[in-house]
Amino acid sequence: MMAKRDTRPRAKLDFFRGASLVDNARTIIVLDSATVRGSVSRIVAAMERGAVVTSTRYDVDYVITEHGVAQMRGSTTSERARALIGIAHSKFREELSRAAKEMALL
């Protein structure tokens, strides 16, 4: 039986916070590295002004794309940037690296 996915913005935060209360639980974000046509990266250097963010860097243990797994928990900001660039679509990695350097993350 498949559970119905709750797409309300608050639902993800509730799930992550609940998981943090359970021993050995992990919070995982799974996403495609790019849009269906590959024209837009789903991993970005920074959120657009006014974007709604429902989970903080402290809520996420792992981010997974078809290119690999990035461990977030316990990583520095620089390590997080490198890990996320590493699982981004190869078409966007150079652009993400350049942006991270401009933001003094690398």
C-alpha atoms as a PDB file:
ATOM      1  CA  MET A   1       0.000   0.000   0.000  1.00  0.00           C
ATOM      2  CA  MET A   2       1.356   3.393  -0.985  1.00  0.00           C
ATOM      3  CA  ALA A   3       1.063   6.307   1.434  1.00  0.00           C
ATOM      4  CA  LYS A   4      -0.433   9.481   0.033  1.00  0.00           C
ATOM      5  CA  ARG A   5       2.172  12.193  -0.285  1.00  0.00           C
ATOM      6  CA  ASP A   6       1.390  15.329   1.670  1.00  0.00           C
ATOM      7  CA  THR A   7       2.501  18.326  -0.370  1.00  0.00           C
ATOM      8  CA  ARG A   8       1.603  21.061   2.102  1.00  0.00           C
ATOM      9  CA  PRO A   9       4.706  23.159   2.897  1.00  0.00           C
ATOM     10  CA  ARG A  10       4.379  22.528   6.631  1.00  0.00           C
ATOM     11  CA  ALA A  11       4.137  18.734   6.167  1.00  0.00           C
ATOM     12  CA  LYS A  12       7.837  18.310   5.331  1.00  0.00           C
ATOM     13  CA  LEU A  13       8.923  20.304   8.351  1.00  0.00           C
ATOM     14  CA  ASP A  14       6.613  18.276  10.608  1.00  0.00           C
ATOM     15  CA  PHE A  15       8.058  15.047   9.207  1.00  0.00           C
ATOM     16  CA  PHE A  16      11.654  16.202   9.659  1.00  0.00           C
ATOM     17  CA  ARG A  17      11.080  17.424  13.192  1.00  0.00           C
ATOM     18  CA  GLY A  18       9.301  14.167  14.080  1.00  0.00           C
ATOM     19  CA  ALA A  19      12.171  12.120  12.655  1.00  0.00           C
ATOM     20  CA  SER A  20      14.647  14.090  14.754  1.00  0.00           C
ATOM     21  CA  LEU A  21      12.910  12.788  17.879  1.00  0.00           C
ATOM     22  CA  VAL A  22      13.444   9.123  16.967  1.00  0.00           C
ATOM     23  CA  ASP A  23      16.719   7.304  17.683  1.00  0.00           C
ATOM     24  CA  ASN A  24      18.665   6.479  14.502  1.00  0.00           C
ATOM     25  CA  ALA A  25      16.091   8.172  12.245  1.00  0.00           C
ATOM     26  CA  ARG A  26      17.387  10.031   9.205  1.00  0.00           C
ATOM     27  CA  THR A  27      15.850  12.863   7.215  1.00  0.00           C
ATOM     28  CA  ILE A  28      16.334  12.464   3.492  1.00  0.00           C
ATOM     29  CA  ILE A  29      15.456  14.678   0.541  1.00  0.00           C
ATOM     30  CA  VAL A  30      15.278  12.842  -2.783  1.00  0.00           C
ATOM     31  CA  LEU A  31      15.008  14.854  -5.981  1.00  0.00           C
ATOM     32  CA  ASP A  32      15.905  14.861  -9.644  1.00  0.00           C
ATOM     33  CA  SER A  33      19.052  16.879 -10.261  1.00  0.00           C
ATOM     34  CA  ALA A  34      17.354  18.857 -13.049  1.00  0.00           C
ATOM     35  CA  THR A  35      13.912  19.499 -14.483  1.00  0.00           C
ATOM     36  CA  VAL A  36      12.423  16.939 -16.890  1.00  0.00           C
ATOM     37  CA  ARG A  37      13.905  18.623 -19.959  1.00  0.00           C
ATOM     38  CA  GLY A  38      17.191  19.263 -18.141  1.00  0.00           C
ATOM     39  CA  SER A  39      16.994  22.997 -18.641  1.00  0.00           C
ATOM     40  CA  VAL A  40      16.953  24.012 -14.959  1.00  0.00           C
ATOM     41  CA  SER A  41      19.005  22.693 -12.058  1.00  0.00           C
ATOM     42  CA  ARG A  42      17.037  21.607  -8.993  1.00  0.00           C
ATOM     43  CA  ILE A  43      20.162  22.309  -6.918  1.00  0.00           C
ATOM     44  CA  VAL A  44      20.815  26.041  -6.749  1.00  0.00           C
ATOM     45  CA  ALA A  45      23.474  28.228  -5.159  1.00  0.00           C
ATOM     46  CA  ALA A  46      20.906  30.366  -3.323  1.00  0.00           C
ATOM     47  CA  MET A  47      17.160  30.652  -3.022  1.00  0.00           C
ATOM     48  CA  GLU A  48      15.396  33.442  -4.863  1.00  0.00           C
ATOM     49  CA  ARG A  49      14.393  36.448  -2.791  1.00  0.00           C
ATOM     50  CA  GLY A  50      11.030  35.758  -1.172  1.00  0.00           C
ATOM     51  CA  ALA A  51      11.235  31.983  -1.625  1.00  0.00           C
ATOM     52  CA  VAL A  52       9.496  29.927   1.053  1.00  0.00           C
ATOM     53  CA  VAL A  53      11.917  27.607   2.852  1.00  0.00           C
ATOM     54  CA  THR A  54      10.347  24.908   5.032  1.00  0.00           C
ATOM     55  CA  SER A  55      13.411  22.941   6.087  1.00  0.00           C
ATOM     56  CA  THR A  56      16.679  24.371   7.343  1.00  0.00           C
ATOM     57  CA  ARG A  57      20.182  23.054   6.839  1.00  0.00           C
ATOM     58  CA  TYR A  58      19.972  21.609  10.334  1.00  0.00           C
ATOM     59  CA  ASP A  59      16.924  19.483   9.476  1.00  0.00           C
ATOM     60  CA  VAL A  60      18.441  17.470   6.605  1.00  0.00           C
ATOM     61  CA  ASP A  61      20.718  14.448   6.957  1.00  0.00           C
ATOM     62  CA  TYR A  62      21.032  13.421   3.287  1.00  0.00           C
ATOM     63  CA  VAL A  63      20.164  14.789  -0.150  1.00  0.00           C
ATOM     64  CA  ILE A  64      19.942  12.212  -2.932  1.00  0.00           C
ATOM     65  CA  THR A  65      19.779  12.636  -6.719  1.00  0.00           C
ATOM     66  CA  GLU A  66      20.391  10.210  -9.555  1.00  0.00           C
ATOM     67  CA  HIS A  67      24.059  11.300  -9.340  1.00  0.00           C
ATOM     68  CA  GLY A  68      24.663  10.254  -5.758  1.00  0.00           C
ATOM     69  CA  VAL A  69      24.201  10.977  -2.075  1.00  0.00           C
ATOM     70  CA  ALA A  70      25.296  14.130  -0.243  1.00  0.00           C
ATOM     71  CA  GLN A  71      25.659  13.856   3.525  1.00  0.00           C
ATOM     72  CA  MET A  72      24.581  17.086   5.185  1.00  0.00           C
ATOM     73  CA  ARG A  73      24.482  16.276   8.914  1.00  0.00           C
ATOM     74  CA  GLY A  74      27.704  17.350  10.617  1.00  0.00           C
ATOM     75  CA  SER A  75      29.146  18.968   7.476  1.00  0.00           C
ATOM     76  CA  THR A  76      30.517  22.490   7.307  1.00  0.00           C
ATOM     77  CA  THR A  77      28.966  24.971   4.896  1.00  0.00           C
ATOM     78  CA  SER A  78      31.878  24.438   2.517  1.00  0.00           C
ATOM     79  CA  GLU A  79      31.530  20.640   2.721  1.00  0.00           C
ATOM     80  CA  ARG A  80      27.799  20.932   2.078  1.00  0.00           C
ATOM     81  CA  ALA A  81      28.401  23.084  -1.001  1.00  0.00           C
ATOM     82  CA  ARG A  82      30.940  20.596  -2.411  1.00  0.00           C
ATOM     83  CA  ALA A  83      28.650  17.634  -1.687  1.00  0.00           C
ATOM     84  CA  LEU A  84      25.632  19.270  -3.350  1.00  0.00           C
ATOM     85  CA  ILE A  85      27.652  20.313  -6.380  1.00  0.00           C
ATOM     86  CA  GLY A  86      28.820  16.703  -6.620  1.00  0.00           C
ATOM     87  CA  ILE A  87      25.262  15.369  -6.946  1.00  0.00           C
ATOM     88  CA  ALA A  88      24.018  18.150  -9.230  1.00  0.00           C
ATOM     89  CA  HIS A  89      23.475  17.465 -12.917  1.00  0.00           C
ATOM     90  CA  SER A  90      26.867  17.604 -14.653  1.00  0.00           C
ATOM     91  CA  LYS A  91      25.567  20.329 -16.968  1.00  0.00           C
ATOM     92  CA  PHE A  92      25.276  22.718 -13.994  1.00  0.00           C
ATOM     93  CA  ARG A  93      28.260  21.798 -11.808  1.00  0.00           C
ATOM     94  CA  GLU A  94      30.664  24.381 -13.211  1.00  0.00           C
ATOM     95  CA  GLU A  95      28.089  27.157 -12.800  1.00  0.00           C
ATOM     96  CA  LEU A  96      27.331  26.042  -9.222  1.00  0.00           C
ATOM     97  CA  SER A  97      31.051  25.902  -8.397  1.00  0.00           C
ATOM     98  CA  ARG A  98      31.569  29.407  -9.739  1.00  0.00           C
ATOM     99  CA  ALA A  99      28.625  30.720  -7.710  1.00  0.00           C
ATOM    100  CA  ALA A 100      29.893  28.973  -4.558  1.00  0.00           C
ATOM    101  CA  LYS A 101      33.313  30.570  -5.007  1.00  0.00           C
ATOM    102  CA  GLU A 102      31.723  34.006  -5.472  1.00  0.00           C
ATOM    103  CA  MET A 103      29.813  33.450  -2.229  1.00  0.00           C
ATOM    104  CA  ALA A 104      33.076  32.435  -0.487  1.00  0.00           C
ATOM    105  CA  LEU A 105      31.756  28.908   0.153  1.00  0.00           C
ATOM    106  CA  LEU A 106      34.671  27.242  -1.627  1.00  0.00           C
END
